[in-house]
Amino acid sequence: MKDNQKILKPIKREEISQGSGTNKNRHLILYDDDINSFDYVISCLVEICDHDFVQAEQCAFITHFKGKCDVKKGDYKSLKPLKQSLVDKGLKASID
């Protein structure tokens, strides 16, 4: 190895997926399912994601027709509890 080359440490998977918590470009994604009703999904989005009724209704329809919808943006630390709350309510969600 030459003197001017740096040794790179491998990045852990958690560091990539979670970041430092300051990255505002994360997306909370809600996925369609055949189990939950529109009314239930809408009430979950209002309660958990602080959507107003119209926004929650639009997200529910987009999720149904497109298979998924970006329901919230923010950093990983702020989206993680929202994702967990949606999952706890029986919805499918991820942070991308």
Protein backbone atom coordinates (compact mmCIF):
# COMPACT_ATOMS: atom_id res chain seq x y z
CA MET A 1 0.00 0.00 0.00
CA LYS A 2 1.24 3.45 -0.85
CA ASP A 3 1.79 6.04 1.84
CA ASN A 4 -0.84 8.42 0.43
CA GLN A 5 -3.66 5.84 0.50
CA LYS A 6 -6.08 5.90 3.41
CA ILE A 7 -7.43 2.81 5.05
CA LEU A 8 -11.22 2.89 4.86
CA LYS A 9 -13.27 1.36 7.63
CA PRO A 10 -16.38 -0.52 6.52
CA ILE A 11 -19.64 1.24 7.29
CA LYS A 12 -22.01 -0.75 9.46
CA ARG A 13 -25.45 -1.44 8.03
CA GLU A 14 -27.11 0.35 10.98
CA GLU A 15 -25.16 3.52 10.21
CA ILE A 16 -26.49 3.51 6.67
CA SER A 17 -30.10 2.77 7.55
CA GLN A 18 -30.36 4.96 10.63
CA GLY A 19 -27.97 7.75 9.80
CA SER A 20 -27.10 10.29 12.42
CA GLY A 21 -30.72 11.30 12.97
CA THR A 22 -30.28 14.65 11.26
CA ASN A 23 -31.09 13.46 7.74
CA LYS A 24 -34.45 15.07 6.90
CA ASN A 25 -34.83 13.06 3.70
CA ARG A 26 -36.34 9.91 5.18
CA HIS A 27 -39.83 8.80 4.20
CA LEU A 28 -42.40 6.91 6.24
CA ILE A 29 -44.07 4.61 3.73
CA LEU A 30 -47.49 3.04 4.27
CA TYR A 31 -48.25 -0.13 2.28
CA ASP A 32 -51.58 -1.43 1.07
CA ASP A 33 -53.16 -4.50 2.63
CA ASP A 34 -56.41 -6.38 2.22
CA ILE A 35 -57.21 -6.39 5.92
CA ASN A 36 -57.77 -2.84 7.19
CA SER A 37 -60.66 -0.60 6.15
CA PHE A 38 -60.26 2.90 4.73
CA ASP A 39 -61.85 4.36 7.85
CA TYR A 40 -59.40 2.52 10.11
CA VAL A 41 -56.35 3.58 8.08
CA ILE A 42 -57.60 7.17 8.00
CA SER A 43 -58.12 7.25 11.77
CA CYS A 44 -54.61 5.79 12.32
CA LEU A 45 -53.03 8.45 10.10
CA VAL A 46 -54.91 11.22 11.90
CA GLU A 47 -53.97 9.85 15.34
CA ILE A 48 -50.35 8.82 14.69
CA CYS A 49 -49.10 11.05 11.88
CA ASP A 50 -51.10 14.13 12.88
CA HIS A 51 -52.79 14.34 9.46
CA ASP A 52 -56.02 16.24 9.05
CA PHE A 53 -58.93 14.16 7.74
CA VAL A 54 -58.53 15.15 4.07
CA GLN A 55 -54.80 14.45 4.03
CA ALA A 56 -55.30 11.07 5.73
CA GLU A 57 -58.09 10.19 3.27
CA GLN A 58 -55.90 11.10 0.29
CA CYS A 59 -53.01 9.00 1.65
CA ALA A 60 -55.37 6.06 2.18
CA PHE A 61 -56.59 6.26 -1.43
CA ILE A 62 -53.06 6.61 -2.83
CA THR A 63 -51.96 3.63 -0.74
CA HIS A 64 -54.89 1.57 -2.02
CA PHE A 65 -54.48 2.40 -5.70
CA LYS A 66 -50.68 2.63 -5.94
CA GLY A 67 -49.78 0.00 -3.33
CA LYS A 68 -47.88 2.44 -1.10
CA CYS A 69 -47.75 6.07 -0.08
CA ASP A 70 -45.20 8.39 1.49
CA VAL A 71 -47.20 9.55 4.52
CA LYS A 72 -44.53 11.53 6.40
CA LYS A 73 -41.04 12.95 5.84
CA GLY A 74 -38.38 13.64 8.44
CA ASP A 75 -35.32 12.26 10.14
CA TYR A 76 -35.05 8.62 11.20
CA LYS A 77 -35.35 9.34 14.92
CA SER A 78 -38.67 11.16 14.53
CA LEU A 79 -40.13 8.63 12.06
CA LYS A 80 -39.17 5.47 13.96
CA PRO A 81 -41.84 5.77 16.72
CA LEU A 82 -44.48 6.69 14.12
CA LYS A 83 -43.62 3.60 12.07
CA GLN A 84 -43.77 1.42 15.16
CA SER A 85 -47.16 2.86 16.13
CA LEU A 86 -48.54 2.13 12.65
CA VAL A 87 -47.19 -1.42 12.81
CA ASP A 88 -48.64 -1.84 16.31
CA LYS A 89 -52.02 -0.88 14.85
CA GLY A 90 -51.72 -3.67 12.27
CA LEU A 91 -50.58 -1.55 9.30
CA LYS A 92 -47.60 -2.24 7.07
CA ALA A 93 -45.01 0.54 7.12
CA SER A 94 -41.32 1.17 6.57
CA ILE A 95 -38.79 3.99 6.64
CA ASP A 96 -36.90 4.60 3.43
